[in-house]
Amino acid sequence: MAHGQLTLERERAGRLVNLGIRFFLSAALTAGQTAGGAAPFALGWVSAAGPGAEGLAALAGAFAGAA
């Protein structure tokens, strides 16, 4: 059973890393602006993240970047 537990912990750690990447990339993309002053990059990233935990992490990153 130790091998099964190790696999689950590795999957959980990988999922947390994935969510963290989505959060921080969304926060960084909030700073990017076009020539007209609009900042559509974070919105596009949140839309591409889709529903679920990934989308929620990207949306939270966009809010944190805007703040």
Protein backbone atom coordinates (compact mmCIF):
# COMPACT_ATOMS: atom_id res chain seq x y z
CA MET A 1 0.00 0.00 0.00
CA ALA A 2 2.91 2.39 0.44
CA HIS A 3 3.36 2.55 -3.33
CA GLY A 4 -0.31 3.51 -3.86
CA GLN A 5 -0.09 6.27 -1.28
CA LEU A 6 3.06 7.66 -2.88
CA THR A 7 1.32 7.81 -6.26
CA LEU A 8 -1.63 9.72 -4.78
CA GLU A 9 0.65 12.22 -3.06
CA ARG A 10 2.57 12.80 -6.31
CA GLU A 11 -0.70 13.39 -8.21
CA ARG A 12 -1.88 15.84 -5.56
CA ALA A 13 1.41 17.74 -5.64
CA GLY A 14 1.28 17.89 -9.43
CA ARG A 15 -2.27 19.25 -9.32
CA LEU A 16 -1.28 21.96 -6.84
CA VAL A 17 1.65 22.97 -9.02
CA ASN A 18 -0.68 23.17 -12.02
CA LEU A 19 -3.12 25.39 -10.12
CA GLY A 20 -0.28 27.61 -8.89
CA ILE A 21 1.03 28.07 -12.41
CA ARG A 22 -2.42 29.10 -13.62
CA PHE A 23 -2.78 31.54 -10.71
CA PHE A 24 0.58 33.27 -11.14
CA LEU A 25 0.46 33.37 -14.94
CA SER A 26 -2.97 34.98 -14.81
CA ALA A 27 -1.71 37.55 -12.32
CA ALA A 28 1.27 38.34 -14.55
CA LEU A 29 -0.89 38.61 -17.68
CA THR A 30 -3.03 41.23 -15.94
CA ALA A 31 -0.15 43.69 -16.29
CA GLY A 32 0.05 43.28 -20.08
CA GLN A 33 -1.73 46.02 -22.02
CA THR A 34 -2.34 46.81 -25.66
CA ALA A 35 -1.67 50.20 -27.25
CA GLY A 36 -5.20 51.38 -26.45
CA GLY A 37 -4.83 50.64 -22.73
CA ALA A 38 -6.94 47.49 -22.70
CA ALA A 39 -5.70 44.39 -20.88
CA PRO A 40 -7.37 41.39 -22.61
CA PHE A 41 -4.64 38.82 -21.96
CA ALA A 42 -5.68 37.75 -18.46
CA LEU A 43 -9.31 37.51 -19.55
CA GLY A 44 -8.30 35.27 -22.44
CA TRP A 45 -6.23 33.10 -20.11
CA VAL A 46 -9.14 32.74 -17.66
CA SER A 47 -11.47 31.82 -20.52
CA ALA A 48 -9.02 29.24 -21.84
CA ALA A 49 -8.60 27.70 -18.37
CA GLY A 50 -12.19 26.47 -18.47
CA PRO A 51 -14.46 25.50 -15.61
CA GLY A 52 -13.47 23.85 -12.38
CA ALA A 53 -10.50 24.35 -10.12
CA GLU A 54 -8.23 25.44 -12.99
CA GLY A 55 -10.59 28.24 -14.00
CA LEU A 56 -11.07 29.31 -10.41
CA ALA A 57 -7.30 29.51 -9.86
CA ALA A 58 -6.89 31.58 -13.03
CA LEU A 59 -9.75 33.89 -12.03
CA ALA A 60 -8.30 34.36 -8.55
CA GLY A 61 -4.95 35.22 -10.12
CA ALA A 62 -6.60 37.81 -12.37
CA PHE A 63 -8.27 39.40 -9.34
CA ALA A 64 -5.01 39.39 -7.39
CA GLY A 65 -3.14 40.92 -10.34
CA ALA A 66 -5.75 43.63 -10.76
CA ALA A 67 -5.58 44.51 -7.09
